[in-house]
């Protein structure tokens, strides 16, 4: 567990309304005061939470799309980026960008 996550855990353990100073908590857990403050106030999120929010398709649906693409390759019909974009949009329910396709492929 990262230092900032430990500091957040500590802040969550405090009683509601209990006074604390970000600088002191950050020093205690050896993390950045500004990052701790932003995370605690909900201004920023940790990377895994942020990535999960940005992710258009849940992992299971991504696996299904990968299997479908692999099946197309086996049949000798490799899909274009536009086709993958259309597949992703159909599964997601909203249009996905071409940059989503690039991230999905790599």
N, C-alpha and C. Protein backbone atom coordinates (compact mmCIF):
# COMPACT_ATOMS: atom_id res chain seq x y z
N UNK A 1 0.86 -1.17 0.00
CA UNK A 1 0.00 0.00 0.00
C UNK A 1 0.90 1.24 0.00
N UNK A 2 0.56 2.22 -0.84
CA UNK A 2 1.40 3.42 -0.94
C UNK A 2 1.25 4.29 0.31
N UNK A 3 2.20 5.18 0.48
CA UNK A 3 2.20 6.07 1.64
C UNK A 3 0.94 6.93 1.66
N UNK A 4 0.54 7.43 0.51
CA UNK A 4 -0.64 8.29 0.48
C UNK A 4 -1.90 7.50 0.82
N UNK A 5 -1.97 6.25 0.39
CA UNK A 5 -3.13 5.41 0.74
C UNK A 5 -3.16 5.13 2.24
N UNK A 6 -1.99 4.94 2.83
CA UNK A 6 -1.92 4.74 4.29
C UNK A 6 -2.39 6.00 5.01
N UNK A 7 -1.99 7.16 4.50
CA UNK A 7 -2.41 8.42 5.12
C UNK A 7 -3.92 8.60 5.00
N UNK A 8 -4.49 8.27 3.85
CA UNK A 8 -5.94 8.37 3.65
C UNK A 8 -6.65 7.42 4.62
N UNK A 9 -6.13 6.21 4.74
CA UNK A 9 -6.71 5.23 5.68
C UNK A 9 -6.70 5.80 7.10
N UNK A 10 -5.59 6.44 7.47
CA UNK A 10 -5.49 7.05 8.79
C UNK A 10 -6.55 8.14 8.96
N UNK A 11 -6.69 9.01 7.95
CA UNK A 11 -7.68 10.08 8.03
C UNK A 11 -9.10 9.52 8.13
N UNK A 12 -9.36 8.43 7.43
CA UNK A 12 -10.68 7.79 7.51
C UNK A 12 -10.96 7.24 8.89
N UNK A 13 -9.90 6.88 9.63
CA UNK A 13 -10.08 6.31 10.96
C UNK A 13 -10.36 7.37 12.03
N UNK A 14 -10.12 8.63 11.70
CA UNK A 14 -10.38 9.70 12.67
C UNK A 14 -11.88 9.88 12.87
N UNK A 15 -12.25 10.35 14.05
CA UNK A 15 -13.65 10.64 14.32
C UNK A 15 -14.11 11.81 13.47
N UNK A 16 -15.37 11.81 13.03
CA UNK A 16 -15.88 12.94 12.25
C UNK A 16 -15.70 14.25 13.02
N UNK A 17 -15.19 15.24 12.35
CA UNK A 17 -14.97 16.54 12.98
C UNK A 17 -13.66 16.65 13.74
N UNK A 18 -12.93 15.54 13.89
CA UNK A 18 -11.65 15.58 14.59
C UNK A 18 -10.65 16.40 13.78
N UNK A 19 -9.96 17.31 14.45
CA UNK A 19 -9.03 18.23 13.79
C UNK A 19 -7.72 17.51 13.43
N UNK A 20 -7.22 17.82 12.24
CA UNK A 20 -5.92 17.33 11.83
C UNK A 20 -5.28 18.38 10.93
N UNK A 21 -3.98 18.28 10.76
CA UNK A 21 -3.23 19.20 9.90
C UNK A 21 -2.60 18.35 8.80
N UNK A 22 -2.92 18.70 7.55
CA UNK A 22 -2.42 17.93 6.42
C UNK A 22 -0.90 17.77 6.47
N UNK A 23 -0.19 18.84 6.78
CA UNK A 23 1.27 18.80 6.79
C UNK A 23 1.80 17.77 7.78
N UNK A 24 1.17 17.70 8.95
CA UNK A 24 1.62 16.75 9.97
C UNK A 24 1.33 15.30 9.55
N UNK A 25 0.14 15.07 8.97
CA UNK A 25 -0.21 13.72 8.52
C UNK A 25 0.70 13.31 7.36
N UNK A 26 0.94 14.23 6.43
CA UNK A 26 1.81 13.94 5.29
C UNK A 26 3.22 13.61 5.77
N UNK A 27 3.73 14.35 6.75
CA UNK A 27 5.06 14.09 7.28
C UNK A 27 5.10 12.73 7.98
N UNK A 28 4.05 12.40 8.70
CA UNK A 28 3.99 11.12 9.42
C UNK A 28 4.05 9.94 8.45
N UNK A 29 3.43 10.08 7.28
CA UNK A 29 3.39 8.97 6.32
C UNK A 29 4.32 9.18 5.13
N UNK A 30 5.15 10.21 5.19
CA UNK A 30 6.14 10.50 4.14
C UNK A 30 5.51 10.60 2.75
N UNK A 31 4.51 11.47 2.65
CA UNK A 31 3.89 11.70 1.35
C UNK A 31 3.70 13.20 1.14
N UNK A 32 3.28 13.58 -0.02
CA UNK A 32 3.11 14.98 -0.38
C UNK A 32 1.87 15.57 0.31
N UNK A 33 2.04 16.73 0.93
CA UNK A 33 0.92 17.38 1.59
C UNK A 33 -0.16 17.77 0.59
N UNK A 34 0.24 18.31 -0.57
CA UNK A 34 -0.75 18.76 -1.55
C UNK A 34 -1.49 17.57 -2.16
N UNK A 35 -0.78 16.49 -2.44
CA UNK A 35 -1.43 15.30 -3.00
C UNK A 35 -2.41 14.71 -1.99
N UNK A 36 -2.00 14.66 -0.72
CA UNK A 36 -2.87 14.15 0.33
C UNK A 36 -4.13 15.01 0.44
N UNK A 37 -3.95 16.31 0.45
CA UNK A 37 -5.08 17.23 0.55
C UNK A 37 -6.04 17.05 -0.62
N UNK A 38 -5.50 16.96 -1.82
CA UNK A 38 -6.34 16.80 -3.01
C UNK A 38 -7.09 15.48 -2.99
N UNK A 39 -6.41 14.41 -2.62
CA UNK A 39 -7.07 13.10 -2.56
C UNK A 39 -8.15 13.09 -1.49
N UNK A 40 -7.87 13.66 -0.34
CA UNK A 40 -8.82 13.65 0.77
C UNK A 40 -10.07 14.47 0.43
N UNK A 41 -9.88 15.58 -0.28
CA UNK A 41 -11.02 16.43 -0.65
C UNK A 41 -11.73 15.95 -1.90
N UNK A 42 -11.21 14.91 -2.56
CA UNK A 42 -11.85 14.36 -3.74
C UNK A 42 -11.53 15.11 -5.02
N UNK A 43 -10.52 15.99 -4.98
CA UNK A 43 -10.13 16.75 -6.16
C UNK A 43 -9.40 15.85 -7.14
N UNK A 44 -8.64 14.90 -6.64
CA UNK A 44 -7.93 13.95 -7.49
C UNK A 44 -8.19 12.54 -6.99
N UNK A 45 -7.83 11.56 -7.81
CA UNK A 45 -8.03 10.15 -7.47
C UNK A 45 -6.72 9.39 -7.69
N UNK A 46 -6.65 8.20 -7.13
CA UNK A 46 -5.47 7.39 -7.40
C UNK A 46 -5.56 6.82 -8.82
N UNK A 47 -4.48 6.36 -9.35
CA UNK A 47 -4.41 5.94 -10.75
C UNK A 47 -5.38 4.82 -11.08
N UNK A 48 -5.49 3.83 -10.22
CA UNK A 48 -6.38 2.71 -10.54
C UNK A 48 -7.84 3.15 -10.58
N UNK A 49 -8.25 4.03 -9.68
CA UNK A 49 -9.62 4.54 -9.71
C UNK A 49 -9.84 5.37 -10.95
N UNK A 50 -8.89 6.22 -11.26
CA UNK A 50 -9.00 7.10 -12.43
C UNK A 50 -9.08 6.27 -13.70
N UNK A 51 -8.25 5.24 -13.82
CA UNK A 51 -8.26 4.38 -15.00
C UNK A 51 -9.58 3.64 -15.13
N UNK A 52 -10.10 3.18 -14.02
CA UNK A 52 -11.38 2.48 -14.05
C UNK A 52 -12.51 3.37 -14.52
N UNK A 53 -12.47 4.63 -14.17
CA UNK A 53 -13.50 5.57 -14.60
C UNK A 53 -13.36 5.84 -16.09
N UNK A 54 -12.13 5.96 -16.57
CA UNK A 54 -11.88 6.26 -17.98
C UNK A 54 -12.13 5.06 -18.88
N UNK A 55 -12.14 3.89 -18.34
CA UNK A 55 -12.23 2.68 -19.15
C UNK A 55 -13.62 2.58 -19.75
N UNK A 56 -13.69 2.53 -21.09
CA UNK A 56 -14.98 2.47 -21.79
C UNK A 56 -15.65 1.12 -21.58
N UNK A 57 -14.88 0.06 -21.68
CA UNK A 57 -15.44 -1.29 -21.56
C UNK A 57 -14.89 -1.98 -20.32
N UNK A 58 -15.74 -2.68 -19.60
CA UNK A 58 -15.24 -3.48 -18.48
C UNK A 58 -14.30 -4.57 -19.01
N UNK A 59 -13.42 -5.07 -18.17
CA UNK A 59 -12.44 -6.08 -18.61
C UNK A 59 -13.08 -7.28 -19.31
N UNK A 60 -14.22 -7.76 -18.82
CA UNK A 60 -14.86 -8.93 -19.44
C UNK A 60 -15.28 -8.62 -20.87
N UNK A 61 -15.84 -7.42 -21.09
CA UNK A 61 -16.25 -7.05 -22.44
C UNK A 61 -15.04 -6.84 -23.35
N UNK A 62 -13.96 -6.31 -22.81
CA UNK A 62 -12.73 -6.17 -23.59
C UNK A 62 -12.22 -7.55 -24.02
N UNK A 63 -12.27 -8.52 -23.12
CA UNK A 63 -11.84 -9.88 -23.47
C UNK A 63 -12.70 -10.46 -24.59
N UNK A 64 -14.01 -10.21 -24.52
CA UNK A 64 -14.90 -10.69 -25.57
C UNK A 64 -14.54 -10.05 -26.91
N UNK A 65 -14.24 -8.76 -26.90
CA UNK A 65 -13.85 -8.07 -28.12
C UNK A 65 -12.53 -8.63 -28.66
N UNK A 66 -11.58 -8.89 -27.78
CA UNK A 66 -10.30 -9.48 -28.20
C UNK A 66 -10.54 -10.85 -28.83
N UNK A 67 -11.38 -11.67 -28.21
CA UNK A 67 -11.68 -13.00 -28.77
C UNK A 67 -12.31 -12.88 -30.16
N UNK A 68 -13.23 -11.93 -30.30
CA UNK A 68 -13.89 -11.73 -31.59
C UNK A 68 -12.88 -11.31 -32.65
N UNK A 69 -11.98 -10.39 -32.30
CA UNK A 69 -10.94 -9.93 -33.23
C UNK A 69 -10.02 -11.10 -33.60
N UNK A 70 -9.64 -11.91 -32.62
CA UNK A 70 -8.80 -13.08 -32.89
C UNK A 70 -9.51 -14.05 -33.83
N UNK A 71 -10.79 -14.24 -33.61
CA UNK A 71 -11.58 -15.13 -34.49
C UNK A 71 -11.59 -14.60 -35.92
N UNK A 72 -11.74 -13.29 -36.08
CA UNK A 72 -11.69 -12.69 -37.41
C UNK A 72 -10.34 -12.92 -38.07
N UNK A 73 -9.26 -12.80 -37.29
CA UNK A 73 -7.90 -13.06 -37.81
C UNK A 73 -7.77 -14.50 -38.29
N UNK A 74 -8.29 -15.43 -37.51
CA UNK A 74 -8.22 -16.85 -37.87
C UNK A 74 -8.95 -17.09 -39.19
N UNK A 75 -10.05 -16.39 -39.38
CA UNK A 75 -10.83 -16.53 -40.62
C UNK A 75 -10.20 -15.79 -41.80
N UNK A 76 -9.15 -15.04 -41.52
CA UNK A 76 -8.49 -14.29 -42.59
C UNK A 76 -9.12 -12.95 -42.87
N UNK A 77 -9.86 -12.41 -41.88
CA UNK A 77 -10.53 -11.12 -42.03
C UNK A 77 -10.11 -10.16 -40.93
N UNK A 78 -8.84 -9.76 -40.89
CA UNK A 78 -8.42 -8.87 -39.81
C UNK A 78 -9.18 -7.54 -39.87
N UNK A 79 -9.74 -7.11 -38.75
CA UNK A 79 -10.54 -5.88 -38.77
C UNK A 79 -9.66 -4.63 -38.85
N UNK A 80 -10.21 -3.60 -39.46
CA UNK A 80 -9.53 -2.31 -39.51
C UNK A 80 -9.76 -1.58 -38.20
N UNK A 81 -9.06 -0.47 -38.01
CA UNK A 81 -9.27 0.34 -36.81
C UNK A 81 -10.71 0.87 -36.76
N UNK A 82 -11.25 1.23 -37.92
CA UNK A 82 -12.64 1.71 -37.96
C UNK A 82 -13.61 0.62 -37.53
N UNK A 83 -13.35 -0.61 -37.95
CA UNK A 83 -14.22 -1.71 -37.54
C UNK A 83 -14.15 -1.92 -36.03
N UNK A 84 -12.95 -1.86 -35.48
CA UNK A 84 -12.79 -2.02 -34.03
C UNK A 84 -13.49 -0.87 -33.30
N UNK A 85 -13.39 0.34 -33.86
CA UNK A 85 -14.09 1.48 -33.27
C UNK A 85 -15.60 1.23 -33.28
N UNK A 86 -16.12 0.70 -34.37
CA UNK A 86 -17.55 0.40 -34.45
C UNK A 86 -17.96 -0.69 -33.47
N UNK A 87 -17.13 -1.75 -33.36
CA UNK A 87 -17.42 -2.82 -32.40
C UNK A 87 -17.44 -2.26 -30.97
N UNK A 88 -16.40 -1.47 -30.64
CA UNK A 88 -16.32 -0.89 -29.30
C UNK A 88 -17.49 0.02 -29.01
N UNK A 89 -17.88 0.83 -29.99
CA UNK A 89 -19.03 1.74 -29.80
C UNK A 89 -20.31 0.97 -29.58
N UNK A 90 -20.47 -0.11 -30.32
CA UNK A 90 -21.68 -0.92 -30.18
C UNK A 90 -21.75 -1.57 -28.79
N UNK A 91 -20.64 -2.11 -28.33
CA UNK A 91 -20.60 -2.74 -27.01
C UNK A 91 -20.80 -1.71 -25.92
N UNK A 92 -20.10 -0.56 -26.04
CA UNK A 92 -20.15 0.49 -25.01
C UNK A 92 -21.50 1.19 -24.97
N UNK A 93 -22.13 1.31 -26.12
CA UNK A 93 -23.42 1.99 -26.16
C UNK A 93 -23.31 3.45 -26.53
N UNK A 94 -22.11 3.97 -26.57
CA UNK A 94 -21.81 5.35 -26.98
C UNK A 94 -20.60 5.29 -27.90
N UNK A 95 -20.42 6.31 -28.74
CA UNK A 95 -19.26 6.29 -29.63
C UNK A 95 -17.94 6.30 -28.84
N UNK A 96 -17.00 5.49 -29.28
CA UNK A 96 -15.65 5.54 -28.72
C UNK A 96 -14.76 6.23 -29.74
N UNK A 97 -13.74 6.90 -29.27
CA UNK A 97 -12.86 7.67 -30.16
C UNK A 97 -11.82 6.77 -30.82
N UNK A 98 -11.20 7.29 -31.85
CA UNK A 98 -10.12 6.55 -32.50
C UNK A 98 -8.93 6.42 -31.55
N UNK A 99 -8.78 7.39 -30.63
CA UNK A 99 -7.70 7.26 -29.64
C UNK A 99 -7.98 6.10 -28.67
N UNK A 100 -9.27 5.83 -28.41
CA UNK A 100 -9.62 4.66 -27.59
C UNK A 100 -9.14 3.40 -28.31
N UNK A 101 -9.36 3.33 -29.63
CA UNK A 101 -8.93 2.18 -30.42
C UNK A 101 -7.42 2.01 -30.30
N UNK A 102 -6.68 3.11 -30.43
CA UNK A 102 -5.21 3.05 -30.31
C UNK A 102 -4.79 2.52 -28.95
N UNK A 103 -5.42 3.01 -27.88
CA UNK A 103 -5.08 2.52 -26.53
C UNK A 103 -5.47 1.06 -26.38
N UNK A 104 -6.60 0.68 -26.97
CA UNK A 104 -7.06 -0.71 -26.89
C UNK A 104 -6.08 -1.64 -27.60
N UNK A 105 -5.57 -1.22 -28.73
CA UNK A 105 -4.68 -2.07 -29.51
C UNK A 105 -3.29 -2.20 -28.88
N UNK A 106 -2.88 -1.20 -28.10
CA UNK A 106 -1.53 -1.23 -27.53
C UNK A 106 -1.59 -1.23 -26.07
